[in-house]
Protein backbone atom coordinates (compact mmCIF):
# COMPACT_ATOMS: atom_id res chain seq x y z
CA MET A 1 146.81 158.69 119.47
CA LYS A 2 147.56 160.31 116.15
CA GLN A 3 148.42 163.99 115.88
CA SER A 4 145.04 164.68 114.27
CA LEU A 5 143.49 164.32 117.70
CA ILE A 6 145.87 166.74 119.39
CA LEU A 7 146.24 169.74 117.07
CA SER A 8 148.49 172.40 118.52
CA SER A 9 147.29 175.77 119.67
CA ILE A 10 149.27 177.24 116.76
CA PHE A 11 146.53 176.04 114.38
CA LEU A 12 143.83 177.73 116.45
CA VAL A 13 145.83 180.96 116.62
CA GLY A 14 146.17 180.81 112.84
CA MET A 15 142.40 180.45 112.52
CA GLU A 16 141.98 183.48 114.80
CA LEU A 17 144.27 185.62 112.66
CA PHE A 18 142.61 184.45 109.45
CA SER A 19 139.13 185.12 110.79
CA SER A 20 140.05 188.62 111.94
CA CYS A 21 140.49 189.63 108.30
CA THR A 22 136.76 189.40 107.66
CA ASP A 23 134.74 192.52 106.90
CA LYS A 24 133.18 194.44 109.74
CA PHE A 25 129.50 194.91 110.40
CA GLU A 26 129.09 198.08 108.37
CA SER A 27 130.32 196.37 105.19
CA MET A 28 127.43 193.92 105.50
CA ASN A 29 124.86 196.53 106.29
CA THR A 30 124.59 197.81 102.72
CA ASN A 31 121.64 198.96 100.69
CA PRO A 32 119.58 195.93 99.58
CA GLY A 33 118.58 197.88 96.49
CA ALA A 34 122.14 197.61 95.26
CA VAL A 35 122.06 193.81 95.34
CA THR A 36 121.49 192.07 92.04
CA GLU A 37 118.16 190.29 92.22
CA ALA A 38 118.42 186.52 92.00
CA SER A 39 116.10 183.59 92.53
CA LEU A 40 115.31 183.15 96.21
CA LYS A 41 116.10 179.45 95.97
CA TYR A 42 119.74 180.51 95.94
CA ILE A 43 119.32 182.94 98.85
CA LEU A 44 117.53 180.37 101.06
CA PRO A 45 120.51 178.02 101.56
CA TYR A 46 122.77 180.99 102.29
CA VAL A 47 120.46 182.25 105.04
CA GLN A 48 120.19 178.71 106.40
CA GLU A 49 123.94 177.97 106.39
CA VAL A 50 125.13 181.32 107.73
CA GLY A 51 122.35 181.58 110.31
CA ALA A 52 123.07 178.11 111.69
CA HIS A 53 126.86 178.69 111.74
CA LEU A 54 127.56 175.80 109.42
CA ASP A 55 131.02 177.24 108.82
CA CYS A 56 133.49 176.00 111.43
CA THR A 57 134.75 179.50 112.33
CA PRO A 58 131.47 181.04 113.60
CA TYR A 59 130.39 177.69 115.04
CA GLN A 60 133.53 177.45 117.17
CA ARG A 61 133.30 181.04 118.34
CA ALA A 62 129.58 181.36 118.97
CA ASP A 63 128.20 177.89 119.61
CA ASN A 64 131.17 176.07 121.11
CA LEU A 65 133.30 178.58 123.00
CA TYR A 66 130.34 180.56 124.29
CA ALA A 67 126.89 178.95 124.28
CA GLN A 68 127.84 175.28 124.73
CA MET A 69 130.06 176.27 127.66
CA TYR A 70 127.45 178.54 129.23
CA CYS A 71 124.74 175.84 129.17
CA GLN A 72 127.40 173.34 130.34
CA TYR A 73 127.13 170.77 127.61
CA PHE A 74 130.91 171.00 127.48
CA ALA A 75 133.80 172.28 129.57
CA ASN A 76 136.90 174.00 128.26
CA ALA A 77 140.06 171.87 128.12
CA ASP A 78 142.38 174.43 126.50
CA ALA A 79 144.30 176.63 128.95
CA GLY A 80 144.37 179.45 126.40
CA PHE A 81 140.58 179.84 126.16
CA ALA A 82 138.81 181.80 128.89
CA SER A 83 135.15 181.83 127.81
CA ASP A 84 134.30 178.93 130.13
CA ARG A 85 135.49 181.23 132.95
CA TYR A 86 133.33 184.05 131.53
CA GLY A 87 136.30 185.76 129.93
CA TYR A 88 135.18 187.88 126.97
CA ASN A 89 136.75 187.73 123.49
CA ASP A 90 135.40 190.41 121.20
CA SER A 91 136.47 188.79 117.93
CA TRP A 92 134.59 185.62 118.85
CA SER A 93 131.44 187.60 119.57
CA ASN A 94 131.81 189.64 116.40
CA GLU A 95 132.67 186.78 114.02
CA GLY A 96 130.49 184.19 115.72
CA PHE A 97 127.29 186.15 116.26
CA TRP A 98 127.25 189.72 115.02
CA GLN A 99 128.57 189.38 111.48
CA PRO A 100 126.69 186.19 110.48
CA TYR A 101 123.40 187.49 111.83
CA TYR A 102 123.40 190.82 110.04
CA LYS A 103 124.38 189.13 106.79
CA THR A 104 121.27 186.95 107.03
CA LEU A 105 119.04 189.84 108.10
CA LYS A 106 120.08 191.83 105.04
CA HIS A 107 119.32 188.89 102.77
CA MET A 108 115.92 188.34 104.35
CA LYS A 109 115.00 191.95 103.59
CA VAL A 110 116.25 191.48 100.03
CA ALA A 111 114.07 188.36 99.80
CA LYS A 112 110.93 190.25 100.75
CA GLN A 113 111.65 192.85 98.10
CA THR A 114 112.34 190.15 95.49
CA ALA A 115 109.12 188.27 96.27
CA GLU A 116 107.08 191.44 95.78
CA ASN A 117 108.38 191.66 92.22
CA ASN A 118 108.33 187.90 91.58
CA PRO A 119 105.18 186.35 93.08
CA GLU A 120 106.27 182.88 91.97
CA GLU A 121 108.97 183.15 94.70
CA THR A 122 106.41 183.72 97.45
CA ASN A 123 106.70 180.28 99.10
CA ILE A 124 110.49 180.41 99.24
CA CYS A 125 110.29 183.87 100.75
CA GLN A 126 108.20 182.41 103.58
CA MET A 127 110.83 179.73 104.18
CA ILE A 128 113.42 182.49 104.47
CA ARG A 129 111.19 184.42 106.89
CA ILE A 130 110.79 181.36 109.12
CA THR A 131 114.52 180.69 108.99
CA GLN A 132 115.31 184.29 109.87
CA ALA A 133 112.85 184.25 112.77
CA TYR A 134 114.90 181.38 114.19
CA ASN A 135 118.12 183.32 113.57
CA THR A 136 116.70 186.46 115.17
CA ALA A 137 115.53 184.68 118.31
CA GLY A 138 118.99 183.23 118.86
CA MET A 139 120.59 186.66 118.39
CA THR A 140 118.28 188.63 120.68
CA ASP A 141 118.34 185.87 123.31
CA THR A 142 122.13 186.20 123.36
CA PHE A 143 122.40 190.01 123.43
CA GLY A 144 118.99 191.36 124.48
CA ASP A 145 118.06 194.58 122.67
CA ILE A 146 119.74 194.73 119.23
CA PRO A 147 119.52 196.77 116.01
CA TYR A 148 116.69 195.15 114.05
CA SER A 149 114.05 197.22 112.30
CA GLU A 150 116.57 199.65 110.75
CA ALA A 151 119.43 197.18 110.30
CA GLY A 152 120.21 195.93 106.80
CA LEU A 153 118.77 199.01 105.13
CA GLY A 154 121.98 200.90 104.40
CA GLU A 155 122.52 202.71 107.70
CA THR A 156 125.49 202.11 110.01
CA LYS A 157 124.25 203.81 113.18
CA ASN A 158 121.05 201.89 113.71
CA LYS A 159 118.73 202.29 116.64
CA TYR A 160 118.32 199.37 119.04
CA ASP A 161 114.93 197.68 119.18
CA SER A 162 113.70 196.31 122.48
CA GLN A 163 113.69 192.55 122.80
CA GLU A 164 109.98 192.71 123.56
CA SER A 165 109.28 194.41 120.22
CA ILE A 166 111.58 191.98 118.41
CA TYR A 167 109.66 189.04 119.85
CA GLN A 168 106.42 190.64 118.68
CA ASP A 169 107.86 190.75 115.18
CA ILE A 170 109.11 187.15 115.42
CA PHE A 171 105.55 186.04 116.16
CA LYS A 172 104.26 188.17 113.28
CA GLU A 173 106.82 186.76 110.85
CA LEU A 174 106.09 183.16 111.81
CA THR A 175 102.32 183.61 111.75
CA GLU A 176 102.23 185.38 108.39
CA ALA A 177 104.72 182.99 106.78
CA VAL A 178 102.76 179.92 107.88
CA ASN A 179 99.43 181.39 106.78
CA ILE A 180 100.81 182.22 103.33
CA LEU A 181 102.29 178.74 102.94
CA LYS A 182 98.88 177.29 103.81
CA GLU A 183 97.34 179.12 100.84
CA ASN A 184 98.72 176.39 98.55
CA ARG A 185 99.47 178.81 95.71
CA GLU A 186 99.97 177.52 92.19
CA GLY A 187 102.92 178.24 89.92
CA GLN A 188 105.45 178.52 92.71
CA THR A 189 109.18 178.00 92.22
CA THR A 190 110.06 174.67 93.80
CA CYS A 191 113.09 173.74 95.88
CA THR A 192 115.15 170.58 96.04
CA SER A 193 117.50 169.44 98.77
CA ASP A 194 120.21 171.48 97.02
CA ASN A 195 118.25 174.68 97.64
CA ASP A 196 116.46 173.89 100.90
CA LEU A 197 118.97 172.28 103.24
CA VAL A 198 116.38 171.52 105.92
CA PHE A 199 113.21 170.12 104.32
CA GLY A 200 114.02 169.82 100.61
CA GLY A 201 111.10 172.08 99.72
CA ASP A 202 108.42 170.16 101.69
CA ILE A 203 105.82 172.87 102.37
CA GLN A 204 103.87 170.91 104.98
CA LYS A 205 107.01 170.37 107.04
CA TRP A 206 107.78 174.07 106.81
CA ILE A 207 104.30 174.84 108.13
CA ARG A 208 104.72 172.50 111.11
CA PHE A 209 108.23 173.86 111.74
CA GLY A 210 107.02 177.45 111.74
CA ASN A 211 104.23 176.61 114.19
CA SER A 212 106.64 174.65 116.40
CA LEU A 213 109.02 177.62 116.56
CA ARG A 214 106.05 179.80 117.49
CA LEU A 215 105.28 177.43 120.37
CA ARG A 216 108.94 177.47 121.46
CA TYR A 217 109.04 181.26 121.59
CA ALA A 218 105.64 181.50 123.23
CA LEU A 219 106.99 179.51 126.15
CA ARG A 220 110.13 181.65 126.10
CA ILE A 221 108.04 184.64 127.19
CA SER A 222 105.68 182.71 129.48
CA TYR A 223 107.05 184.21 132.71
CA ILE A 224 107.31 187.81 131.51
CA ASP A 225 104.07 188.00 129.46
CA PRO A 226 101.88 184.99 130.27
CA ALA A 227 98.81 186.29 128.44
CA ARG A 228 100.66 186.86 125.15
CA ALA A 229 102.48 183.56 125.60
CA LYS A 230 99.22 181.66 126.03
CA SER A 231 97.64 183.33 123.01
CA GLU A 232 100.61 182.61 120.73
CA GLY A 233 101.13 179.10 122.06
CA GLU A 234 97.51 178.05 121.66
CA ALA A 235 97.40 179.49 118.16
CA ALA A 236 100.55 177.54 117.23
CA LEU A 237 99.10 174.31 118.60
CA ALA A 238 95.83 174.85 116.75
CA SER A 239 97.66 175.56 113.49
CA GLY A 240 99.66 172.33 113.74
CA VAL A 241 103.11 171.55 115.16
CA MET A 242 105.49 168.65 114.48
CA THR A 243 103.83 165.25 114.83
CA SER A 244 106.73 162.77 114.55
CA ASN A 245 110.47 162.51 114.05
CA ASP A 246 109.79 162.69 110.32
CA ASP A 247 109.17 166.41 110.86
CA ASN A 248 112.53 167.05 112.53
CA ALA A 249 114.43 170.12 111.30
CA TYR A 250 118.05 169.21 110.58
CA MET A 251 120.41 171.08 108.29
CA THR A 252 122.55 169.17 105.83
CA ALA A 253 126.29 169.34 106.57
CA SER A 254 128.08 168.31 103.40
CA ALA A 255 131.66 167.24 102.77
CA THR A 256 131.66 169.35 99.60
CA GLY A 257 131.24 173.03 98.81
CA ASP A 258 132.57 176.10 100.58
CA TRP A 259 132.15 174.58 104.05
CA GLY A 260 133.01 170.99 103.24
CA TRP A 261 134.16 169.97 106.69
CA GLY A 262 130.90 168.28 107.54
CA HIS A 263 129.44 168.95 110.97
CA PRO A 264 131.74 171.52 112.63
CA LEU A 265 131.30 170.11 116.15
CA TYR A 266 132.94 166.80 115.26
CA MET A 267 135.81 168.36 113.40
CA MET A 268 136.50 170.55 116.42
CA SER A 269 136.23 167.62 118.81
CA LEU A 270 139.46 166.26 117.31
CA TRP A 271 141.30 169.40 118.44
CA ASN A 272 141.01 168.41 122.11
CA GLY A 273 139.92 171.90 123.12
CA PHE A 274 136.78 170.85 124.98
CA CYS A 275 135.12 167.78 126.48
CA MET A 276 132.01 166.58 128.23
CA SER A 277 131.19 168.75 131.25
CA LYS A 278 130.83 167.37 134.76
CA THR A 279 127.24 168.64 134.69
CA MET A 280 126.56 166.57 131.58
CA GLU A 281 128.23 163.51 133.09
CA ASN A 282 126.18 163.75 136.28
CA ILE A 283 122.90 164.12 134.40
CA LEU A 284 123.64 161.28 131.98
CA LYS A 285 124.73 158.93 134.75
CA ASN A 286 122.55 159.83 137.70
CA GLU A 287 119.11 161.04 136.61
CA SER A 288 117.80 157.48 136.39
CA THR A 289 118.80 154.15 137.88
CA VAL A 290 120.50 153.33 134.58
CA THR A 291 122.83 155.43 132.45
CA ASP A 292 121.17 157.62 129.85
CA PRO A 293 121.19 155.64 126.57
CA ARG A 294 122.35 158.77 124.72
CA MET A 295 125.73 158.96 126.47
CA PRO A 296 127.64 156.49 124.23
CA LEU A 297 125.90 157.94 121.17
CA TRP A 298 127.29 161.42 121.87
CA PHE A 299 130.50 160.89 123.80
CA GLY A 300 133.48 158.62 123.45
CA GLN A 301 135.34 156.52 125.93
CA THR A 302 138.23 158.56 127.29
CA GLN A 303 141.41 158.41 125.24
CA ASP A 304 143.52 157.08 128.11
CA TYR A 305 140.93 154.37 128.82
CA VAL A 306 141.03 153.31 125.17
CA ALA A 307 144.83 153.37 125.14
CA ALA A 308 144.88 151.11 128.17
CA LEU A 309 142.54 148.67 126.42
CA ARG A 310 144.68 148.71 123.31
CA ASN A 311 147.86 148.09 125.29
CA GLY A 312 146.37 145.41 127.51
CA ASP A 313 146.84 147.54 130.64
CA ASN A 314 144.54 146.11 133.28
CA THR A 315 145.78 148.50 135.96
CA TYR A 316 144.25 151.69 134.51
CA THR A 317 141.86 153.21 137.06
CA GLY A 318 140.50 156.18 135.10
CA GLU A 319 136.86 156.57 134.10
CA GLN A 320 135.50 155.06 130.91
CA PHE A 321 133.27 158.13 130.42
CA ALA A 322 134.10 161.29 132.33
CA GLY A 323 133.29 164.99 132.39
CA MET A 324 135.33 168.02 133.44
CA SER A 325 134.24 170.85 135.74
CA ASN A 326 133.40 174.17 134.11
CA GLY A 327 135.57 177.19 134.77
CA MET A 328 138.94 175.63 135.54
CA ASN A 329 141.88 178.02 135.40
CA ALA A 330 145.00 177.36 133.35
CA THR A 331 146.86 175.76 136.25
CA GLU A 332 144.02 173.34 136.99
CA ILE A 333 143.63 172.42 133.32
CA GLY A 334 147.34 171.62 133.23
CA LEU A 335 147.17 169.06 136.03
CA PRO A 336 147.59 165.44 134.83
CA GLU A 337 144.28 164.33 136.34
CA ASN A 338 142.46 167.06 134.42
CA GLY A 339 143.98 166.34 131.02
CA VAL A 340 141.55 166.06 128.14
CA ARG A 341 142.71 162.50 127.46
CA ARG A 342 141.09 161.50 130.75
CA HIS A 343 137.75 163.03 129.76
CA SER A 344 135.17 162.23 127.09
CA VAL A 345 135.04 164.17 123.83
CA CYS A 346 132.53 163.86 120.99
CA LEU A 347 133.67 160.46 119.73
CA GLY A 348 130.36 158.70 120.28
CA LEU A 349 128.68 156.05 118.17
CA GLN A 350 126.94 158.63 115.98
CA ALA A 351 130.10 160.20 114.62
CA TYR A 352 132.86 157.65 115.24
CA PRO A 353 131.16 154.26 115.73
CA ASP A 354 134.36 152.23 115.91
CA TRP A 355 135.66 154.30 118.81
CA ASN A 356 133.01 153.13 121.24
CA SER A 357 132.05 149.81 119.70
CA GLN A 358 135.36 148.04 119.38
CA THR A 359 137.15 146.43 122.30
CA THR A 360 140.39 147.96 121.07
CA PRO A 361 139.34 150.94 118.93
CA SER A 362 141.33 151.85 115.89
CA GLU A 363 142.94 155.28 115.64
CA ASP A 364 142.25 155.35 111.91
CA VAL A 365 138.50 155.77 112.40
CA LEU A 366 139.11 159.43 113.29
CA ASN A 367 140.51 160.44 109.91
CA ILE A 368 137.13 161.07 108.29
CA THR A 369 134.70 163.93 107.71
CA VAL A 370 131.51 163.63 109.76
CA THR A 371 128.46 164.68 107.74
CA LEU A 372 125.86 164.40 110.48
CA PRO A 373 123.29 167.19 110.02
CA LEU A 374 122.98 170.16 112.38
CA LYS A 375 120.04 169.99 114.77
CA ILE A 376 117.63 172.92 114.50
CA MET A 377 114.45 171.58 116.12
CA THR A 378 112.99 168.14 116.79
CA TYR A 379 109.69 166.48 117.56
CA GLY A 380 111.15 165.38 120.90
CA GLU A 381 111.59 169.02 121.90
CA VAL A 382 108.09 169.85 120.68
CA CYS A 383 106.62 167.12 122.91
CA LEU A 384 108.44 168.59 125.90
CA LEU A 385 107.22 172.08 124.96
CA LYS A 386 103.69 170.67 124.90
CA ALA A 387 104.29 169.09 128.32
CA GLU A 388 105.15 172.49 129.80
CA ALA A 389 102.25 174.13 127.96
CA ALA A 390 99.93 171.52 129.47
CA LEU A 391 101.16 172.39 132.96
CA LEU A 392 100.28 176.01 132.19
CA GLY A 393 96.77 174.98 131.12
CA TRP A 394 97.08 175.93 127.46
CA ASN A 395 94.32 174.61 125.22
CA GLY A 396 95.42 171.98 122.74
CA ALA A 397 98.54 170.99 124.67
CA GLY A 398 97.29 167.56 125.76
CA ASP A 399 98.45 165.69 128.85
CA ALA A 400 101.72 166.82 130.44
CA GLY A 401 102.87 163.35 131.50
CA GLU A 402 102.12 161.71 128.17
CA ASN A 403 103.88 164.49 126.27
CA TYR A 404 106.87 164.21 128.59
CA LYS A 405 107.26 160.47 128.05
CA GLU A 406 106.69 160.80 124.30
CA GLY A 407 109.38 163.49 124.18
CA ILE A 408 111.97 161.19 125.78
CA LYS A 409 111.04 158.29 123.50
CA ALA A 410 111.26 160.51 120.43
CA SER A 411 114.65 161.86 121.47
CA LEU A 412 116.08 158.39 122.08
CA ALA A 413 114.80 157.15 118.73
CA ASP A 414 116.01 160.24 116.92
CA GLU A 415 119.54 160.03 118.30
CA ARG A 416 119.80 156.34 117.38
CA SER A 417 118.61 157.05 113.85
CA PHE A 418 122.05 158.46 113.01
CA LEU A 419 123.92 155.24 113.73
CA SER A 420 125.64 154.07 110.58
CA ASP A 421 124.93 150.43 111.39
CA ALA A 422 121.86 149.25 113.26
CA SER A 423 123.94 146.53 114.88
CA LEU A 424 125.86 149.26 116.72
CA SER A 425 122.79 150.30 118.66
CA PRO A 426 123.81 150.09 122.32
CA SER A 427 122.20 147.63 124.68
CA THR A 428 119.85 149.82 126.67
CA ASN A 429 116.90 149.67 128.99
CA ASP A 430 114.87 152.58 127.69
CA GLU A 431 111.82 151.73 129.76
CA THR A 432 113.90 151.49 132.92
CA TYR A 433 115.55 154.81 132.13
CA MET A 434 112.19 156.54 131.69
CA THR A 435 110.39 154.98 134.66
CA THR A 436 112.95 155.09 137.47
CA GLY A 437 114.91 157.67 139.41
CA LYS A 438 114.40 161.38 138.84
CA VAL A 439 113.39 160.79 135.22
CA ALA A 440 110.18 158.97 136.16
CA TRP A 441 107.00 161.03 135.79
CA ASN A 442 104.81 161.25 138.89
CA ASP A 443 101.42 162.91 138.68
CA ASN A 444 101.63 163.63 142.42
CA ASP A 445 104.79 165.71 142.06
CA THR A 446 104.57 169.45 142.56
CA LYS A 447 104.37 171.68 139.51
CA GLU A 448 107.95 172.79 140.11
CA GLN A 449 109.19 169.20 140.29
CA LYS A 450 107.46 168.49 136.99
CA LEU A 451 108.99 171.61 135.42
CA GLU A 452 112.43 170.44 136.52
CA LYS A 453 111.92 167.06 134.85
CA ILE A 454 110.68 168.70 131.65
CA GLY A 455 113.48 171.28 131.65
CA THR A 456 116.19 168.68 132.19
CA GLN A 457 114.91 166.42 129.43
CA LYS A 458 114.49 169.38 127.08
CA TRP A 459 118.15 170.32 127.71
CA LEU A 460 119.11 166.79 126.67
CA ALA A 461 116.79 166.77 123.65
CA LEU A 462 118.28 170.07 122.44
CA TYR A 463 121.88 168.80 122.52
CA PRO A 464 124.13 170.13 120.99
CA ASN A 465 122.14 173.32 120.24
CA GLY A 466 123.86 175.39 122.91
CA ILE A 467 122.34 178.74 121.97
CA GLU A 468 118.83 177.41 122.55
CA ALA A 469 119.84 175.39 125.61
CA TRP A 470 121.50 178.39 127.28
CA ALA A 471 118.34 180.43 126.74
CA GLU A 472 116.25 177.70 128.37
CA CYS A 473 118.66 177.37 131.30
CA ARG A 474 118.25 181.08 131.99
CA ARG A 475 114.50 181.03 131.53
CA THR A 476 113.62 177.97 133.60
CA GLY A 477 116.61 177.44 135.89
CA TYR A 478 116.81 173.83 134.68
CA PRO A 479 118.78 171.72 134.66
CA LYS A 480 120.52 172.97 137.77
CA LEU A 481 123.94 174.03 136.57
CA SER A 482 127.07 174.07 138.72
CA PRO A 483 128.72 177.45 139.38
CA VAL A 484 131.94 177.78 137.40
CA LEU A 485 135.09 177.25 139.46
CA HIS A 486 136.58 180.61 138.49
CA SER A 487 135.16 183.76 136.88
CA GLU A 488 137.29 186.24 134.95
CA ASP A 489 134.34 188.62 134.93
CA ALA A 490 134.55 190.79 138.03
CA ASN A 491 130.78 191.26 137.98
CA ILE A 492 130.00 187.54 138.28
CA ASN A 493 130.69 185.81 141.59
CA PRO A 494 130.25 182.02 141.33
CA ALA A 495 130.30 181.75 145.13
CA ASN A 496 126.95 183.53 145.10
CA HIS A 497 125.61 181.10 142.50
CA GLU A 498 125.84 183.73 139.78
CA PHE A 499 125.86 182.83 136.09
CA ILE A 500 126.39 184.84 132.94
CA ARG A 501 123.10 186.27 131.67
CA LYS A 502 124.00 187.70 128.23
CA LEU A 503 126.90 188.71 126.02
CA ARG A 504 127.84 192.38 125.95
CA TYR A 505 127.78 194.32 122.71
CA THR A 506 130.84 194.20 120.48
CA ASP A 507 133.63 196.75 120.53
CA ASP A 508 132.70 197.85 116.99
CA GLU A 509 129.19 198.64 118.13
CA ARG A 510 130.34 200.44 121.27
CA ARG A 511 132.73 202.56 119.19
CA GLU A 512 130.93 203.10 115.88
CA ASN A 513 127.34 203.14 117.12
CA SER A 514 128.02 204.54 120.57
CA GLU A 515 124.96 206.78 120.66
CA ASN A 516 122.75 203.70 120.55
CA ALA A 517 124.87 200.82 121.87
CA THR A 518 125.93 202.49 125.12
CA SER A 519 122.55 203.90 126.10
CA SER A 520 121.56 203.24 129.70
CA SER A 521 117.95 202.83 128.55
CA LEU A 522 118.70 199.52 126.83
CA ASN A 523 117.49 196.21 128.25
CA GLN A 524 114.81 197.65 130.52
CA ASN A 525 117.10 200.48 131.69
CA GLN A 526 119.82 198.06 132.75
CA GLY A 527 122.22 199.08 129.99
CA ASP A 528 124.69 196.47 128.79
CA GLY A 529 126.84 193.83 130.46
CA SER A 530 127.19 190.17 131.36
CA THR A 531 124.93 190.40 134.41
CA VAL A 532 122.11 192.19 132.60
CA HIS A 533 118.94 190.14 132.27
CA VAL A 534 117.32 190.03 128.86
CA TRP A 535 113.65 190.92 128.75
CA TRP A 536 112.19 187.45 129.29
CA ASP A 537 114.80 186.41 131.92
CA THR A 538 113.01 186.81 135.25
CA ASN A 539 115.84 185.43 137.40
CA ARG A 540 114.20 182.06 138.05
CA GLN A 541 117.58 180.31 138.01
CA GLN A 542 118.69 181.92 141.25
CA GLU A 543 115.24 181.68 142.80
CA VAL A 544 114.92 177.97 142.06
CA GLN A 545 118.45 176.92 143.00
CA GLN A 546 119.00 178.83 146.23
């Protein structure tokens, strides 16, 4: 294997030092009035890119080292990283979540001001509002109560808004933005794919996306505020959600521009710092009587397995596809049987088709930039949201079983759509996968059994959106995650089936905004910490799994 696949930890340390030179939160939280007014079609892509962590640095710190580990899409394979064992790294939290979010929040408030003075920018302002609602949900789901209403207005010691009030504003932002877009105003500034990295300026897709997000967040609060959830969810369904994979929200990841590395996940996969988790392996291999068709699309054959094929070694006994347990300590990671070369990384057919398709894969296929788009929301997820809404008896949700099956079909089709060559489509038995084993829908199952099926398939449909998947794991308790082997957080005991519930506030906030950030009244009088439950987290994970 070439050195590109095994970059040394020196490179990652260098990235850490480089990233630490970025400005702190207060430098972003400046007066919007001091910003030179510009067309919102240039602000929109900035809010999209920064909010989605298109840059490799925040993506690695926030999405990969935290969220994707916590929801157990991946397991850590680098002995120097502790987040998979619930070890906390403040710079990752600051540079991955805190700084990008408050940059986008400031720009959204600038956008509202600009649109007031330039009515021809009204539609683009609504796109920014919808985008920022998505960004805000991810931020508050990660931290709970956060500075929101006062943030981005020039103050540095901002009050913390309750997550409940933030969710109320998310619903307001989505509802108002969609209703304004439906007005079909004339004389509006138009966007192209250069300005709108998600829908290329397609207003109808923005409307369906906004409604679909509203449905997603309505279900997010369904256990803590069922009446509000039902009202918001039914309104979103009536207004019109995604209707096919053509409506999918993906963000362009280019090989040019400031962040010209393509999709950050696939660049990072070549560093050998993480691999498929054992939880992911078990779900892909054992939910049905056949292997999940998405496994070879996402994950590659293990490097040692491929090396054995290339060298004609018929004695190799390792797995072709394999996952690693979450929460291994440095000693365990260092054992030969736990080496990353014996586990699957993101070298699947989507990103590196030759790796999985050839009998003796070529090493040279890895020396490319992967420009797959970043997943924001898909029709497959929306179908599964509708399936859960149907179980709750929400008007307009349709039939739970039909939505469930349509969601799986849509996800399978969507994932295959990224294959560079149709001939590389794997030989699969989709119908067998959907109709056998634990995947099969049974109208006679209990409501909880149906929720588990929906939750597990939603977790798969969301991949690799770890921030959203981690939120759903906490909300529903599904799929059933495995306790990490070791916890470096003294407050989390895996032996008691305890999982991390949120990230604590950053050191900058604790020091520079101590009056607000350290208040014991935050998060429903729980204060701050990794075991604190955010507002909508009603502890179903422990209740369901014990």
